[in-house]
Protein backbone atom coordinates (compact mmCIF):
# COMPACT_ATOMS: atom_id res chain seq x y z
CA MET A 1 16.56 -18.09 2.62
CA ARG A 2 20.40 -18.96 3.33
CA ARG A 3 19.78 -20.92 6.60
CA SER A 4 16.33 -22.40 4.95
CA LEU A 5 17.95 -23.62 1.97
CA ALA A 6 20.89 -24.76 4.02
CA PHE A 7 18.42 -26.57 6.46
CA HIS A 8 16.44 -28.52 3.50
CA LEU A 9 20.17 -29.30 1.87
CA GLU A 10 21.16 -30.88 5.18
CA GLN A 11 17.96 -32.67 5.14
CA ALA A 12 18.77 -34.19 1.93
CA GLY A 13 21.83 -35.92 3.18
CA TYR A 14 24.31 -32.90 2.40
CA VAL A 15 27.07 -31.18 4.89
CA VAL A 16 26.24 -27.98 4.22
CA HIS A 17 28.95 -24.58 5.19
CA THR A 18 27.50 -21.23 4.91
CA ALA A 19 29.43 -18.09 4.31
CA ALA A 20 28.11 -14.64 4.93
CA SER A 21 30.57 -13.26 2.11
CA ALA A 22 32.48 -13.92 -0.89
CA GLU A 23 35.58 -13.64 1.06
CA ASP A 24 34.33 -16.18 3.97
CA GLY A 25 33.68 -18.39 1.56
CA LEU A 26 36.94 -18.30 -0.66
CA SER A 27 38.52 -18.58 2.94
CA PHE A 28 36.86 -21.58 3.69
CA VAL A 29 37.05 -23.45 0.16
CA GLN A 30 41.06 -22.52 0.67
CA HIS A 31 41.30 -24.50 3.79
CA SER A 32 38.64 -27.56 2.97
CA SER A 33 37.83 -29.62 -0.06
CA PRO A 34 34.01 -29.07 -0.67
CA ASP A 35 32.40 -31.01 -3.59
CA LEU A 36 30.22 -28.31 -4.89
CA VAL A 37 29.94 -24.65 -4.17
CA LEU A 38 26.42 -22.54 -4.36
CA LEU A 39 26.96 -18.86 -5.09
CA ASP A 40 24.72 -16.13 -4.95
CA ILE A 41 25.61 -13.43 -7.72
CA ALA A 42 24.93 -10.05 -5.56
CA LEU A 43 26.73 -10.27 -2.30
CA PRO A 44 28.06 -7.85 -0.13
CA GLY A 45 32.06 -6.96 -0.78
CA MET A 46 33.32 -9.03 -3.59
CA ASP A 47 30.29 -10.07 -5.95
CA GLY A 48 30.00 -13.63 -6.93
CA LEU A 49 31.25 -13.08 -10.54
CA ASP A 50 34.59 -11.81 -9.00
CA ALA A 51 34.37 -14.97 -6.68
CA LEU A 52 33.74 -16.95 -9.52
CA ARG A 53 37.34 -15.98 -11.12
CA GLU A 54 38.96 -16.77 -8.00
CA LEU A 55 37.57 -20.34 -7.42
CA LYS A 56 38.35 -21.13 -11.02
CA ALA A 57 41.83 -19.87 -11.03
CA ARG A 58 42.71 -21.71 -7.70
CA HIS A 59 40.46 -24.83 -7.67
CA ASN A 60 38.91 -27.42 -9.58
CA LEU A 61 35.29 -27.74 -8.06
CA PRO A 62 32.03 -27.30 -9.92
CA VAL A 63 30.04 -23.98 -9.07
CA ILE A 64 26.13 -23.55 -9.28
CA PHE A 65 24.73 -19.75 -9.39
CA LEU A 66 21.72 -18.76 -7.13
CA THR A 67 20.81 -15.28 -8.60
CA GLY A 68 17.98 -12.93 -8.46
CA ARG A 69 19.16 -11.11 -11.56
CA ARG A 70 17.04 -12.42 -14.37
CA ARG A 71 18.63 -10.08 -16.99
CA GLU A 72 20.22 -12.93 -19.51
CA LEU A 73 24.06 -11.63 -20.02
CA ASP A 74 24.40 -11.96 -16.21
CA GLU A 75 23.64 -15.73 -16.20
CA VAL A 76 25.65 -16.26 -19.39
CA VAL A 77 28.65 -14.34 -18.51
CA GLY A 78 28.90 -16.15 -15.08
CA LEU A 79 28.64 -19.57 -17.33
CA GLU A 80 31.48 -18.27 -19.31
CA LEU A 81 33.85 -17.58 -16.51
CA GLY A 82 33.07 -21.32 -15.50
CA ALA A 83 30.25 -21.83 -13.44
CA ASP A 84 28.90 -25.06 -14.27
CA ASP A 85 25.11 -24.25 -13.66
CA TYR A 86 22.86 -21.27 -12.56
CA ILE A 87 19.07 -21.15 -11.01
CA THR A 88 17.33 -17.87 -10.85
CA LYS A 89 15.19 -16.67 -7.50
CA PRO A 90 12.75 -17.31 -6.54
CA PHE A 91 13.37 -21.07 -6.79
CA ASP A 92 12.05 -24.47 -5.55
CA VAL A 93 14.63 -26.51 -3.05
CA ASP A 94 13.43 -29.59 -5.07
CA VAL A 95 15.07 -27.78 -8.28
CA VAL A 96 18.35 -26.49 -6.28
CA LEU A 97 18.66 -30.48 -5.37
CA ALA A 98 18.11 -31.67 -9.11
CA HIS A 99 20.30 -29.08 -10.30
CA ILE A 100 22.85 -30.34 -7.50
CA LYS A 101 22.70 -33.90 -8.22
CA ALA A 102 22.77 -33.06 -12.38
CA VAL A 103 25.99 -31.13 -11.88
CA LEU A 104 27.64 -33.96 -9.59
CA ARG A 105 26.82 -36.31 -11.68
CA ARG A 106 28.64 -34.58 -14.74
CA MET A 107 31.70 -34.49 -12.67
CA GLU A 108 31.63 -38.00 -12.04
CA ARG A 109 31.29 -38.98 -15.45
CA GLY A 110 34.31 -36.85 -16.04
CA PRO A 111 35.12 -34.41 -19.43
CA LEU A 112 33.60 -34.57 -22.59
CA PRO A 113 35.69 -36.47 -25.49
CA GLU A 114 38.43 -34.87 -26.81
CA LYS A 115 38.16 -32.39 -29.51
CA PRO A 116 39.78 -33.79 -32.97
CA ALA A 117 43.51 -32.80 -33.62
CA GLN A 118 43.19 -32.20 -37.28
CA ARG A 119 42.54 -28.65 -38.62
CA LEU A 120 39.12 -27.73 -40.25
CA MET A 121 38.92 -25.32 -43.32
CA VAL A 122 35.26 -23.75 -44.11
CA GLY A 123 36.07 -21.84 -47.14
CA ASP A 124 38.21 -18.95 -45.41
CA LEU A 125 37.77 -19.79 -42.07
CA GLU A 126 40.43 -22.29 -40.49
CA ILE A 127 40.07 -23.99 -37.04
CA ASP A 128 43.13 -25.35 -35.29
CA PRO A 129 41.66 -27.75 -32.44
CA SER A 130 44.76 -28.98 -31.03
CA ALA A 131 46.25 -25.31 -30.67
CA HIS A 132 42.53 -23.78 -30.16
CA THR A 133 43.33 -20.97 -32.51
CA VAL A 134 40.67 -19.67 -35.16
CA SER A 135 41.37 -17.31 -38.35
CA CYS A 136 38.90 -15.97 -40.77
CA ALA A 137 40.36 -14.70 -44.19
CA GLY A 138 43.71 -14.76 -42.53
CA ARG A 139 42.49 -12.74 -39.64
CA ALA A 140 43.19 -14.05 -36.23
CA LEU A 141 39.85 -14.28 -33.95
CA ASP A 142 40.04 -14.14 -30.15
CA LEU A 143 37.09 -16.56 -29.01
CA SER A 144 36.49 -17.65 -25.41
CA PRO A 145 36.32 -21.26 -24.90
CA ARG A 146 33.00 -21.92 -25.52
CA GLU A 147 32.93 -19.72 -28.40
CA PHE A 148 35.46 -21.83 -29.49
CA ASP A 149 33.33 -25.23 -29.28
CA LEU A 150 30.31 -23.86 -30.47
CA LEU A 151 32.11 -22.90 -33.87
CA LEU A 152 33.85 -26.48 -33.76
CA ILE A 153 30.58 -28.21 -33.78
CA LEU A 154 29.18 -26.23 -36.38
CA ALA A 155 32.68 -26.48 -38.55
CA ALA A 156 32.49 -30.35 -37.95
CA GLN A 157 29.39 -30.30 -40.20
CA PRO A 158 29.40 -27.46 -42.77
CA GLU A 159 26.16 -26.53 -44.42
CA LYS A 160 24.57 -29.22 -42.55
CA VAL A 161 21.73 -27.94 -39.24
CA VAL A 162 22.93 -28.41 -35.74
CA SER A 163 19.99 -28.37 -33.55
CA THR A 164 20.21 -26.40 -30.63
CA GLU A 165 19.61 -29.47 -28.18
CA GLU A 166 22.55 -31.05 -29.83
CA ILE A 167 24.89 -27.81 -29.31
CA LEU A 168 23.56 -27.62 -25.69
CA ALA A 169 24.03 -31.06 -24.62
CA GLN A 170 27.70 -30.95 -26.38
CA VAL A 171 28.72 -27.92 -25.39
CA TRP A 172 27.10 -27.10 -21.90
CA GLY A 173 26.00 -30.61 -21.10
CA ALA A 174 22.84 -32.43 -21.54
CA GLU A 175 21.46 -30.97 -18.01
CA PHE A 176 21.02 -27.61 -20.14
CA VAL A 177 19.03 -28.98 -22.75
CA GLY A 178 15.80 -26.93 -22.47
CA GLN A 179 17.68 -23.75 -21.89
CA PRO A 180 18.54 -22.56 -25.45
CA GLN A 181 19.17 -18.83 -24.22
CA VAL A 182 22.56 -19.81 -23.54
CA VAL A 183 23.16 -20.81 -27.10
CA TYR A 184 21.50 -17.79 -28.58
CA VAL A 185 23.94 -14.93 -27.08
CA HIS A 186 27.18 -17.17 -27.66
CA ILE A 187 25.50 -17.34 -31.34
CA ARG A 188 24.96 -13.39 -31.44
CA TRP A 189 28.92 -12.79 -29.73
CA LEU A 190 30.17 -15.29 -32.50
CA ARG A 191 28.64 -13.24 -35.36
CA GLN A 192 30.01 -10.33 -33.73
CA LYS A 193 33.47 -11.78 -34.33
CA LEU A 194 33.08 -13.80 -37.35
CA GLU A 195 30.45 -11.55 -39.63
CA ALA A 196 31.17 -8.39 -41.65
CA ASP A 197 27.57 -7.34 -40.72
CA PRO A 198 26.27 -9.51 -37.78
CA ASP A 199 22.41 -8.40 -38.21
CA HIS A 200 22.66 -9.80 -41.58
CA PRO A 201 24.78 -12.93 -41.14
CA GLN A 202 26.07 -14.79 -44.16
CA ARG A 203 28.27 -17.37 -42.26
CA ILE A 204 26.26 -18.62 -39.25
CA LEU A 205 22.65 -19.02 -40.19
CA THR A 206 19.83 -19.81 -38.12
CA VAL A 207 17.02 -22.12 -39.12
CA ARG A 208 14.23 -21.18 -37.79
CA GLY A 209 12.75 -23.86 -34.80
CA VAL A 210 15.57 -26.00 -35.65
CA GLY A 211 19.52 -24.93 -35.16
CA TYR A 212 22.08 -23.11 -36.90
CA LYS A 213 24.56 -23.86 -39.68
CA LEU A 214 27.83 -22.78 -40.89
CA VAL A 215 28.28 -21.56 -44.53
CA PRO A 216 31.43 -21.44 -45.91
CA GLN A 217 32.51 -18.24 -47.20
CA GLN A 218 35.50 -16.85 -49.36
CA ALA A 219 37.82 -13.71 -48.95
CA GLY A 220 36.43 -11.04 -51.13
């Protein structure tokens, strides 16, 4: 499959280098400047998730996962570590080409607009975008970057419904619209950190078929 994919990418005009292991791939990236990395999760030796940690710690380049693992958590964890996209196997080569073009276009556009500098208060929830901190009823919360961005979008419009598509476009990029499972999992993780009872949320409410809204709560 690796050789077949490389052939099709070369036919599409890309210069391709293949590696049989994560270690070989990391060594190549260290001495070259690729525009993008296609990375499989299931690799001999170091797996793809560990390889992604190494790549993002040392290099600023986009990474797309190719994976046969269909478990939602693997895909989302990969994105949380810094992957820019993922494609599940079996896949069509045209799909891979479309994802590559989309990620490269997003890199050319540059980062999303800067977060607002002022603090946001939603009931007993306080968010400081400039310091990248969140506290709930005086308790500091440890949020991942995408959890923070998702919460910030909801907090900017308290008690108003924000659609799943809007969340995807703002946090992950417009190319992720149509992949709502990414939002579902991050909402669940946020509720585990914010809600007294994550199974019966009072702060982050689901508006079925539309999206989510953040409701102010006061410390009891």
